[in-house]
């Protein structure tokens, strides 16, 4: 910011960003502009913020060109397109309606790794465990630990010895 100093209003806006923003990138950019105005070198600021000197130069140049603190904020990004589709969701629902044993697995209940493997075989796409869990949650499924229950033993009475009756119980 060698050519122009910050105005009082610009300094006030930058300080407000430092106080209220939750975005770390916007915070660092506003801080870099303020520190440059206070006389620190670009190399010092870059070292303190752990970014390249070129990044600091870009932020300062962008701010000097627009003189708008909103220009320091990140532009919206599209991100990676989602590979999960409605067809995949319906396939997952069909898998959950069926038993894993019918498909050749040695399991009585579906697990996320088994669902991932079966989706790989059916679609040819590998989905992360978190993606499968989010879809299960959307479909209304919750994870519960399987409970093993043994059938009652029909010969239990024959196997247990007869205990003598207690005296006080007999008197009543």
N, C-alpha and C. Protein backbone atom coordinates (compact mmCIF):
# COMPACT_ATOMS: atom_id res chain seq x y z
N UNK A 1 0.84 -1.18 0.00
CA UNK A 1 0.00 0.00 0.00
C UNK A 1 0.89 1.23 0.00
N UNK A 2 1.92 1.20 -0.76
CA UNK A 2 2.86 2.30 -0.79
C UNK A 2 2.26 3.55 -1.42
N UNK A 3 1.40 3.34 -2.43
CA UNK A 3 0.90 4.51 -3.17
C UNK A 3 -0.17 5.26 -2.40
N UNK A 4 -1.09 4.56 -1.78
CA UNK A 4 -2.18 5.25 -1.07
C UNK A 4 -2.37 4.65 0.31
N UNK A 5 -2.62 5.50 1.25
CA UNK A 5 -2.91 5.05 2.61
C UNK A 5 -4.40 4.73 2.71
N UNK A 6 -4.75 3.97 3.71
CA UNK A 6 -6.15 3.66 3.95
C UNK A 6 -6.86 4.89 4.51
N UNK A 7 -8.11 5.06 4.11
CA UNK A 7 -8.91 6.11 4.71
C UNK A 7 -9.43 5.60 6.05
N UNK A 8 -9.94 6.50 6.85
CA UNK A 8 -10.48 6.11 8.16
C UNK A 8 -11.65 5.15 7.98
N UNK A 9 -12.48 5.38 6.98
CA UNK A 9 -13.63 4.52 6.73
C UNK A 9 -13.18 3.11 6.29
N UNK A 10 -12.16 3.03 5.42
CA UNK A 10 -11.66 1.73 4.98
C UNK A 10 -11.04 0.96 6.15
N UNK A 11 -10.28 1.66 6.98
CA UNK A 11 -9.68 1.03 8.16
C UNK A 11 -10.77 0.50 9.09
N UNK A 12 -11.83 1.28 9.27
CA UNK A 12 -12.95 0.88 10.12
C UNK A 12 -13.63 -0.37 9.55
N UNK A 13 -13.82 -0.43 8.23
CA UNK A 13 -14.44 -1.59 7.60
C UNK A 13 -13.56 -2.84 7.72
N UNK A 14 -12.27 -2.67 7.54
CA UNK A 14 -11.35 -3.80 7.67
C UNK A 14 -11.31 -4.34 9.10
N UNK A 15 -11.32 -3.43 10.07
CA UNK A 15 -11.35 -3.87 11.48
C UNK A 15 -12.66 -4.57 11.80
N UNK A 16 -13.75 -4.12 11.21
CA UNK A 16 -15.04 -4.78 11.42
C UNK A 16 -15.01 -6.20 10.86
N UNK A 17 -14.35 -6.39 9.73
CA UNK A 17 -14.21 -7.73 9.17
C UNK A 17 -13.44 -8.62 10.14
N UNK A 18 -12.37 -8.09 10.71
CA UNK A 18 -11.57 -8.88 11.65
C UNK A 18 -12.39 -9.30 12.86
N UNK A 19 -13.31 -8.46 13.27
CA UNK A 19 -14.13 -8.76 14.45
C UNK A 19 -15.24 -9.75 14.16
N UNK A 20 -15.88 -9.68 13.00
CA UNK A 20 -17.13 -10.42 12.81
C UNK A 20 -17.04 -11.63 11.89
N UNK A 21 -16.02 -11.73 11.06
CA UNK A 21 -16.03 -12.80 10.06
C UNK A 21 -15.66 -14.14 10.66
N UNK A 22 -16.25 -15.19 10.10
CA UNK A 22 -15.90 -16.55 10.45
C UNK A 22 -15.02 -17.18 9.37
N UNK A 23 -14.86 -16.48 8.26
CA UNK A 23 -14.08 -16.96 7.13
C UNK A 23 -12.61 -16.62 7.34
N UNK A 24 -11.78 -17.65 7.51
CA UNK A 24 -10.36 -17.41 7.80
C UNK A 24 -9.62 -16.77 6.63
N UNK A 25 -10.04 -17.07 5.41
CA UNK A 25 -9.36 -16.48 4.25
C UNK A 25 -9.61 -14.98 4.18
N UNK A 26 -10.85 -14.59 4.39
CA UNK A 26 -11.19 -13.16 4.36
C UNK A 26 -10.47 -12.44 5.49
N UNK A 27 -10.40 -13.10 6.65
CA UNK A 27 -9.72 -12.53 7.81
C UNK A 27 -8.25 -12.26 7.48
N UNK A 28 -7.56 -13.25 6.89
CA UNK A 28 -6.14 -13.09 6.58
C UNK A 28 -5.91 -11.98 5.55
N UNK A 29 -6.79 -11.88 4.58
CA UNK A 29 -6.62 -10.85 3.55
C UNK A 29 -6.82 -9.46 4.13
N UNK A 30 -7.85 -9.30 4.98
CA UNK A 30 -8.07 -8.00 5.60
C UNK A 30 -6.91 -7.65 6.52
N UNK A 31 -6.42 -8.63 7.25
CA UNK A 31 -5.29 -8.40 8.14
C UNK A 31 -4.04 -8.00 7.35
N UNK A 32 -3.83 -8.63 6.21
CA UNK A 32 -2.67 -8.29 5.38
C UNK A 32 -2.74 -6.85 4.90
N UNK A 33 -3.92 -6.40 4.50
CA UNK A 33 -4.06 -5.02 4.03
C UNK A 33 -3.83 -4.05 5.18
N UNK A 34 -4.37 -4.36 6.35
CA UNK A 34 -4.16 -3.48 7.52
C UNK A 34 -2.69 -3.44 7.94
N UNK A 35 -2.04 -4.59 7.94
CA UNK A 35 -0.63 -4.62 8.35
C UNK A 35 0.26 -3.88 7.36
N UNK A 36 -0.07 -3.96 6.09
CA UNK A 36 0.70 -3.21 5.09
C UNK A 36 0.54 -1.73 5.31
N UNK A 37 -0.67 -1.30 5.64
CA UNK A 37 -0.91 0.12 5.89
C UNK A 37 -0.16 0.61 7.13
N UNK A 38 0.06 -0.30 8.10
CA UNK A 38 0.77 0.11 9.31
C UNK A 38 2.29 0.14 9.11
N UNK A 39 2.77 -0.27 7.92
CA UNK A 39 4.19 -0.11 7.64
C UNK A 39 4.98 -1.39 7.60
N UNK A 40 4.38 -2.54 7.80
CA UNK A 40 5.12 -3.80 7.75
C UNK A 40 5.40 -4.16 6.30
N UNK A 41 6.48 -4.87 6.11
CA UNK A 41 6.85 -5.28 4.75
C UNK A 41 6.02 -6.49 4.33
N UNK A 42 5.96 -6.69 3.02
CA UNK A 42 5.20 -7.81 2.48
C UNK A 42 5.81 -9.13 2.94
N UNK A 43 7.13 -9.20 3.02
CA UNK A 43 7.80 -10.42 3.47
C UNK A 43 7.44 -10.75 4.91
N UNK A 44 7.37 -9.74 5.78
CA UNK A 44 7.00 -9.97 7.18
C UNK A 44 5.56 -10.47 7.28
N UNK A 45 4.68 -9.85 6.53
CA UNK A 45 3.26 -10.24 6.57
C UNK A 45 3.10 -11.65 6.04
N UNK A 46 3.77 -11.96 4.92
CA UNK A 46 3.68 -13.30 4.34
C UNK A 46 4.20 -14.35 5.31
N UNK A 47 5.29 -14.05 6.01
CA UNK A 47 5.83 -14.98 7.00
C UNK A 47 4.88 -15.18 8.17
N UNK A 48 4.27 -14.09 8.65
CA UNK A 48 3.36 -14.20 9.79
C UNK A 48 2.08 -14.96 9.42
N UNK A 49 1.59 -14.75 8.21
CA UNK A 49 0.35 -15.41 7.78
C UNK A 49 0.59 -16.77 7.12
N UNK A 50 1.88 -17.10 6.92
CA UNK A 50 2.27 -18.36 6.31
C UNK A 50 1.69 -18.54 4.91
N UNK A 51 1.84 -17.49 4.12
CA UNK A 51 1.45 -17.51 2.71
C UNK A 51 2.63 -16.99 1.91
N UNK A 52 2.51 -17.08 0.60
CA UNK A 52 3.59 -16.56 -0.24
C UNK A 52 3.51 -15.04 -0.33
N UNK A 53 4.65 -14.43 -0.66
CA UNK A 53 4.66 -12.98 -0.84
C UNK A 53 3.77 -12.58 -2.01
N UNK A 54 3.72 -13.44 -3.02
CA UNK A 54 2.88 -13.14 -4.18
C UNK A 54 1.40 -13.06 -3.78
N UNK A 55 0.98 -13.91 -2.88
CA UNK A 55 -0.41 -13.85 -2.41
C UNK A 55 -0.70 -12.50 -1.75
N UNK A 56 0.20 -12.07 -0.90
CA UNK A 56 0.01 -10.78 -0.22
C UNK A 56 -0.02 -9.65 -1.25
N UNK A 57 0.88 -9.69 -2.23
CA UNK A 57 0.88 -8.67 -3.29
C UNK A 57 -0.45 -8.69 -4.06
N UNK A 58 -0.96 -9.89 -4.35
CA UNK A 58 -2.24 -9.99 -5.06
C UNK A 58 -3.38 -9.39 -4.25
N UNK A 59 -3.43 -9.69 -2.95
CA UNK A 59 -4.50 -9.16 -2.10
C UNK A 59 -4.44 -7.64 -2.05
N UNK A 60 -3.25 -7.11 -1.86
CA UNK A 60 -3.10 -5.65 -1.75
C UNK A 60 -3.44 -4.99 -3.08
N UNK A 61 -2.96 -5.56 -4.18
CA UNK A 61 -3.28 -5.00 -5.49
C UNK A 61 -4.76 -5.04 -5.79
N UNK A 62 -5.41 -6.12 -5.42
CA UNK A 62 -6.86 -6.23 -5.64
C UNK A 62 -7.61 -5.17 -4.83
N UNK A 63 -7.18 -4.98 -3.59
CA UNK A 63 -7.85 -3.97 -2.77
C UNK A 63 -7.59 -2.57 -3.29
N UNK A 64 -6.36 -2.29 -3.70
CA UNK A 64 -6.05 -0.95 -4.23
C UNK A 64 -6.83 -0.65 -5.50
N UNK A 65 -7.05 -1.68 -6.29
CA UNK A 65 -7.76 -1.49 -7.55
C UNK A 65 -9.25 -1.18 -7.31
N UNK A 66 -9.88 -1.87 -6.37
CA UNK A 66 -11.32 -1.71 -6.14
C UNK A 66 -11.65 -0.77 -4.99
N UNK A 67 -10.76 -0.70 -4.00
CA UNK A 67 -11.00 0.06 -2.77
C UNK A 67 -12.27 -0.40 -2.06
N UNK A 68 -12.59 -1.69 -2.19
CA UNK A 68 -13.78 -2.27 -1.59
C UNK A 68 -13.35 -3.48 -0.75
N UNK A 69 -13.74 -3.51 0.53
CA UNK A 69 -13.33 -4.61 1.40
C UNK A 69 -13.98 -5.93 0.98
N UNK A 70 -15.12 -5.87 0.30
CA UNK A 70 -15.78 -7.11 -0.15
C UNK A 70 -14.99 -7.80 -1.25
N UNK A 71 -14.10 -7.07 -1.91
CA UNK A 71 -13.27 -7.67 -2.95
C UNK A 71 -12.24 -8.62 -2.36
N UNK A 72 -12.00 -8.54 -1.05
CA UNK A 72 -11.06 -9.43 -0.38
C UNK A 72 -11.68 -10.79 -0.06
N UNK A 73 -13.01 -10.87 -0.13
CA UNK A 73 -13.70 -12.13 0.19
C UNK A 73 -13.51 -13.13 -0.94
N UNK A 74 -13.66 -14.41 -0.62
CA UNK A 74 -13.55 -15.46 -1.62
C UNK A 74 -14.72 -15.40 -2.59
N UNK A 75 -14.44 -15.67 -3.83
CA UNK A 75 -15.51 -15.79 -4.83
C UNK A 75 -16.19 -17.15 -4.64
N UNK A 76 -17.46 -17.25 -4.94
CA UNK A 76 -18.13 -18.55 -4.81
C UNK A 76 -17.50 -19.57 -5.76
N UNK A 77 -17.44 -20.79 -5.30
CA UNK A 77 -16.86 -21.86 -6.11
C UNK A 77 -17.89 -22.95 -6.30
N UNK A 78 -17.83 -23.57 -7.44
CA UNK A 78 -18.82 -24.60 -7.74
C UNK A 78 -18.52 -25.90 -7.03
N UNK A 79 -17.27 -26.25 -6.88
CA UNK A 79 -16.90 -27.49 -6.22
C UNK A 79 -17.04 -28.68 -7.16
N UNK A 80 -16.75 -29.82 -6.64
CA UNK A 80 -16.81 -31.03 -7.43
C UNK A 80 -18.25 -31.46 -7.61
N UNK A 81 -18.64 -31.87 -8.80
CA UNK A 81 -20.02 -32.31 -9.00
C UNK A 81 -20.29 -33.62 -8.26
N UNK A 82 -21.50 -33.74 -7.79
CA UNK A 82 -21.90 -34.91 -7.02
C UNK A 82 -22.08 -36.11 -7.95
N UNK A 83 -21.50 -37.25 -7.58
CA UNK A 83 -21.65 -38.46 -8.38
C UNK A 83 -22.85 -39.28 -7.92
N UNK A 84 -23.37 -39.02 -6.73
CA UNK A 84 -24.51 -39.75 -6.20
C UNK A 84 -25.76 -39.29 -6.94
N UNK A 85 -26.54 -40.22 -7.42
CA UNK A 85 -27.72 -39.87 -8.21
C UNK A 85 -28.96 -40.53 -7.62
N UNK A 86 -30.09 -40.21 -8.20
CA UNK A 86 -31.35 -40.83 -7.77
C UNK A 86 -31.34 -42.32 -8.07
N UNK A 87 -30.70 -42.71 -9.17
CA UNK A 87 -30.61 -44.13 -9.50
C UNK A 87 -29.81 -44.89 -8.44
N UNK A 88 -28.74 -44.26 -7.97
CA UNK A 88 -27.92 -44.88 -6.93
C UNK A 88 -28.72 -44.99 -5.64
N UNK A 89 -29.50 -43.96 -5.37
CA UNK A 89 -30.34 -43.98 -4.16
C UNK A 89 -31.37 -45.09 -4.23
N UNK A 90 -31.99 -45.26 -5.38
CA UNK A 90 -33.00 -46.33 -5.53
C UNK A 90 -32.33 -47.71 -5.47
N UNK A 91 -31.11 -47.84 -6.00
CA UNK A 91 -30.39 -49.10 -5.90
C UNK A 91 -30.06 -49.40 -4.44
N UNK A 92 -29.64 -48.39 -3.70
CA UNK A 92 -29.35 -48.57 -2.28
C UNK A 92 -30.60 -49.02 -1.54
N UNK A 93 -31.73 -48.42 -1.85
CA UNK A 93 -33.00 -48.82 -1.21
C UNK A 93 -33.34 -50.26 -1.55
N UNK A 94 -33.12 -50.67 -2.79
CA UNK A 94 -33.39 -52.05 -3.20
C UNK A 94 -32.46 -53.02 -2.47
N UNK A 95 -31.20 -52.64 -2.30
CA UNK A 95 -30.26 -53.48 -1.57
C UNK A 95 -30.70 -53.65 -0.12
N UNK A 96 -31.17 -52.58 0.48
CA UNK A 96 -31.58 -52.64 1.89
C UNK A 96 -32.83 -53.47 2.08
N UNK A 97 -33.67 -53.54 1.05
CA UNK A 97 -34.88 -54.36 1.13
C UNK A 97 -34.55 -55.85 0.99
N UNK A 98 -33.38 -56.17 0.47
CA UNK A 98 -32.96 -57.55 0.25
C UNK A 98 -31.95 -57.95 1.31
N UNK A 99 -31.72 -59.23 1.46
CA UNK A 99 -30.76 -59.73 2.43
C UNK A 99 -29.38 -59.85 1.78
N UNK A 100 -28.32 -59.56 2.52
CA UNK A 100 -26.98 -59.73 1.94
C UNK A 100 -26.65 -61.20 1.66
N UNK A 101 -27.32 -62.11 2.36
CA UNK A 101 -27.07 -63.53 2.14
C UNK A 101 -27.53 -63.96 0.74
N UNK A 102 -28.58 -63.36 0.23
CA UNK A 102 -29.07 -63.71 -1.10
C UNK A 102 -28.09 -63.31 -2.19
N UNK A 103 -27.22 -62.34 -1.88
CA UNK A 103 -26.22 -61.90 -2.85
C UNK A 103 -24.87 -62.58 -2.65
N UNK A 104 -24.82 -63.55 -1.73
CA UNK A 104 -23.60 -64.33 -1.54
C UNK A 104 -22.71 -63.88 -0.41
N UNK A 105 -23.14 -62.95 0.40
CA UNK A 105 -22.32 -62.50 1.53
C UNK A 105 -22.60 -63.37 2.75
N UNK A 106 -21.60 -63.55 3.58
CA UNK A 106 -21.75 -64.31 4.81
C UNK A 106 -22.13 -63.37 5.95
N UNK A 107 -23.16 -62.61 5.76
CA UNK A 107 -23.61 -61.66 6.78
C UNK A 107 -25.13 -61.66 6.79
N UNK A 108 -25.68 -61.41 7.96
CA UNK A 108 -27.14 -61.36 8.06
C UNK A 108 -27.67 -59.94 7.96
N UNK A 109 -26.82 -58.97 8.21
CA UNK A 109 -27.22 -57.57 8.17
C UNK A 109 -26.29 -56.81 7.23
N UNK A 110 -26.81 -55.74 6.63
CA UNK A 110 -25.97 -54.89 5.79
C UNK A 110 -25.09 -54.01 6.66
N UNK A 111 -23.86 -53.85 6.25
CA UNK A 111 -22.96 -52.89 6.87
C UNK A 111 -22.54 -51.91 5.78
N UNK A 112 -21.98 -50.78 6.19
CA UNK A 112 -21.56 -49.78 5.21
C UNK A 112 -20.49 -50.35 4.27
N UNK A 113 -19.47 -51.08 4.76
CA UNK A 113 -18.50 -51.66 3.81
C UNK A 113 -19.13 -52.64 2.83
N UNK A 114 -20.10 -53.43 3.29
CA UNK A 114 -20.78 -54.35 2.37
C UNK A 114 -21.58 -53.58 1.33
N UNK A 115 -22.25 -52.53 1.74
CA UNK A 115 -23.00 -51.71 0.79
C UNK A 115 -22.07 -51.05 -0.21
N UNK A 116 -20.92 -50.58 0.24
CA UNK A 116 -19.94 -49.98 -0.66
C UNK A 116 -19.48 -51.00 -1.71
N UNK A 117 -19.20 -52.20 -1.25
CA UNK A 117 -18.72 -53.24 -2.16
C UNK A 117 -19.80 -53.60 -3.19
N UNK A 118 -21.03 -53.74 -2.74
CA UNK A 118 -22.10 -54.11 -3.66
C UNK A 118 -22.39 -52.98 -4.64
N UNK A 119 -22.33 -51.74 -4.20
CA UNK A 119 -22.50 -50.62 -5.13
C UNK A 119 -21.38 -50.61 -6.17
N UNK A 120 -20.17 -50.98 -5.75
CA UNK A 120 -19.06 -51.06 -6.69
C UNK A 120 -19.33 -52.12 -7.76
N UNK A 121 -19.86 -53.28 -7.32
CA UNK A 121 -20.15 -54.35 -8.27
C UNK A 121 -21.30 -53.98 -9.21
N UNK A 122 -22.31 -53.29 -8.69
CA UNK A 122 -23.49 -52.97 -9.49
C UNK A 122 -23.28 -51.79 -10.42
N UNK A 123 -22.62 -50.75 -9.93
CA UNK A 123 -22.51 -49.50 -10.68
C UNK A 123 -21.11 -49.29 -11.25
N UNK A 124 -20.11 -49.78 -10.52
CA UNK A 124 -18.74 -49.54 -10.95
C UNK A 124 -18.17 -48.26 -10.38
N UNK A 125 -18.84 -47.67 -9.42
CA UNK A 125 -18.38 -46.43 -8.76
C UNK A 125 -18.07 -46.76 -7.31
N UNK A 126 -16.99 -46.19 -6.81
CA UNK A 126 -16.68 -46.34 -5.39
C UNK A 126 -17.14 -45.09 -4.65
N UNK A 127 -18.00 -45.29 -3.67
CA UNK A 127 -18.49 -44.20 -2.83
C UNK A 127 -17.88 -44.34 -1.45
N UNK A 128 -17.58 -43.22 -0.82
CA UNK A 128 -16.99 -43.27 0.52
C UNK A 128 -18.04 -43.74 1.52
N UNK A 129 -17.54 -44.20 2.65
CA UNK A 129 -18.44 -44.64 3.71
C UNK A 129 -19.33 -43.51 4.21
N UNK A 130 -18.78 -42.30 4.25
CA UNK A 130 -19.56 -41.14 4.70
C UNK A 130 -20.70 -40.84 3.73
N UNK A 131 -20.46 -41.00 2.43
CA UNK A 131 -21.52 -40.76 1.45
C UNK A 131 -22.63 -41.77 1.62
N UNK A 132 -22.28 -43.04 1.83
CA UNK A 132 -23.30 -44.07 2.03
C UNK A 132 -24.07 -43.80 3.32
N UNK A 133 -23.36 -43.39 4.38
CA UNK A 133 -24.04 -43.10 5.66
C UNK A 133 -25.01 -41.93 5.51
N UNK A 134 -24.60 -40.88 4.79
CA UNK A 134 -25.51 -39.75 4.57
C UNK A 134 -26.76 -40.19 3.83
N UNK A 135 -26.61 -41.06 2.86
CA UNK A 135 -27.76 -41.54 2.09
C UNK A 135 -28.65 -42.42 2.97
N UNK A 136 -28.05 -43.24 3.80
CA UNK A 136 -28.84 -44.05 4.72
C UNK A 136 -29.65 -43.16 5.67
N UNK A 137 -29.02 -42.09 6.13
CA UNK A 137 -29.71 -41.15 7.02
C UNK A 137 -30.87 -40.48 6.29
N UNK A 138 -30.64 -40.09 5.02
CA UNK A 138 -31.70 -39.49 4.23
C UNK A 138 -32.87 -40.45 4.04
N UNK A 139 -32.57 -41.74 3.92
CA UNK A 139 -33.61 -42.75 3.73
C UNK A 139 -34.30 -43.12 5.04
N UNK A 140 -33.81 -42.61 6.16
CA UNK A 140 -34.46 -42.85 7.45
C UNK A 140 -33.91 -44.03 8.21
N UNK A 141 -32.78 -44.57 7.80
CA UNK A 141 -32.18 -45.70 8.49
C UNK A 141 -31.27 -45.20 9.60
N UNK A 142 -31.25 -45.96 10.70
CA UNK A 142 -30.35 -45.67 11.81
C UNK A 142 -29.56 -46.94 12.12
N UNK A 143 -28.36 -46.77 12.65
CA UNK A 143 -27.52 -47.91 12.95
C UNK A 143 -27.79 -48.37 14.36
N UNK A 144 -28.02 -49.66 14.50
CA UNK A 144 -28.16 -50.26 15.82
C UNK A 144 -27.35 -51.55 15.83
N UNK A 145 -26.77 -51.82 16.94
CA UNK A 145 -25.99 -53.05 17.07
C UNK A 145 -26.94 -54.25 17.05
N UNK A 146 -26.55 -55.28 16.32
CA UNK A 146 -27.37 -56.49 16.25
C UNK A 146 -27.39 -57.18 17.60
N UNK A 147 -28.53 -57.69 17.97
CA UNK A 147 -28.67 -58.36 19.25
C UNK A 147 -28.89 -59.84 18.99
N UNK A 148 -28.05 -60.64 19.59
CA UNK A 148 -28.16 -62.08 19.42
C UNK A 148 -29.08 -62.62 20.52
N UNK A 149 -30.10 -63.33 20.10
CA UNK A 149 -31.06 -63.90 21.05
C UNK A 149 -31.14 -65.40 20.77
N UNK A 150 -30.91 -66.18 21.78
CA UNK A 150 -30.99 -67.63 21.63
C UNK A 150 -32.43 -68.08 21.83
N UNK A 151 -32.78 -69.11 21.11
CA UNK A 151 -34.12 -69.67 21.27
C UNK A 151 -34.20 -70.33 22.65
N UNK A 152 -35.37 -70.30 23.30
CA UNK A 152 -35.47 -70.94 24.62
C UNK A 152 -35.26 -72.45 24.51
N UNK A 153 -34.58 -72.98 25.51
CA UNK A 153 -34.26 -74.41 25.53
C UNK A 153 -35.50 -75.18 26.00
N UNK A 154 -36.05 -76.07 25.19
CA UNK A 154 -37.26 -76.78 25.61
C UNK A 154 -36.97 -77.79 26.73
N UNK A 155 -35.73 -78.18 26.92
CA UNK A 155 -35.41 -79.17 27.96
C UNK A 155 -34.76 -78.53 29.18
N UNK A 156 -35.00 -77.28 29.40
CA UNK A 156 -34.36 -76.56 30.51
C UNK A 156 -34.77 -77.13 31.86
N UNK A 157 -36.03 -77.49 32.00
CA UNK A 157 -36.51 -78.01 33.29
C UNK A 157 -35.83 -79.32 33.65
N UNK A 158 -35.51 -80.12 32.66
CA UNK A 158 -34.85 -81.40 32.92
C UNK A 158 -33.41 -81.19 33.34
N UNK A 159 -32.80 -80.11 32.87
CA UNK A 159 -31.39 -79.86 33.12
C UNK A 159 -31.12 -79.20 34.46
N UNK A 160 -32.10 -78.51 35.04
CA UNK A 160 -31.86 -77.81 36.30
C UNK A 160 -32.25 -78.72 37.46
N UNK A 161 -31.40 -78.78 38.48
CA UNK A 161 -31.74 -79.64 39.63
C UNK A 161 -32.88 -79.02 40.45
N UNK A 162 -33.64 -79.90 41.10
CA UNK A 162 -34.70 -79.41 41.99
C UNK A 162 -34.07 -78.87 43.25
N UNK A 163 -34.37 -77.63 43.57
CA UNK A 163 -33.84 -77.01 44.77
C UNK A 163 -34.82 -77.24 45.90
N UNK A 164 -34.32 -77.46 47.12
CA UNK A 164 -35.25 -77.65 48.24
C UNK A 164 -35.99 -76.35 48.53
N UNK A 165 -37.25 -76.48 48.91
CA UNK A 165 -38.05 -75.29 49.21
C UNK A 165 -37.57 -74.69 50.52
N UNK A 166 -37.64 -73.42 50.60
CA UNK A 166 -37.22 -72.75 51.82
C UNK A 166 -38.26 -72.94 52.89
N UNK A 167 -37.80 -72.99 54.12
CA UNK A 167 -38.66 -73.26 55.24
C UNK A 167 -39.74 -72.19 55.41
N UNK A 168 -39.33 -70.95 55.38
CA UNK A 168 -40.29 -69.88 55.62
C UNK A 168 -41.30 -69.78 54.49
N UNK A 169 -40.94 -70.18 53.28
CA UNK A 169 -41.87 -70.17 52.16
C UNK A 169 -42.91 -71.27 52.34
N UNK A 170 -42.47 -72.41 52.90
CA UNK A 170 -43.38 -73.56 53.08
C UNK A 170 -44.42 -73.23 54.15
N UNK A 171 -44.05 -72.48 55.20
CA UNK A 171 -44.97 -72.18 56.29
C UNK A 171 -46.08 -71.25 55.86
N UNK A 172 -45.79 -70.38 54.93
CA UNK A 172 -46.78 -69.40 54.50
C UNK A 172 -47.82 -70.11 53.69
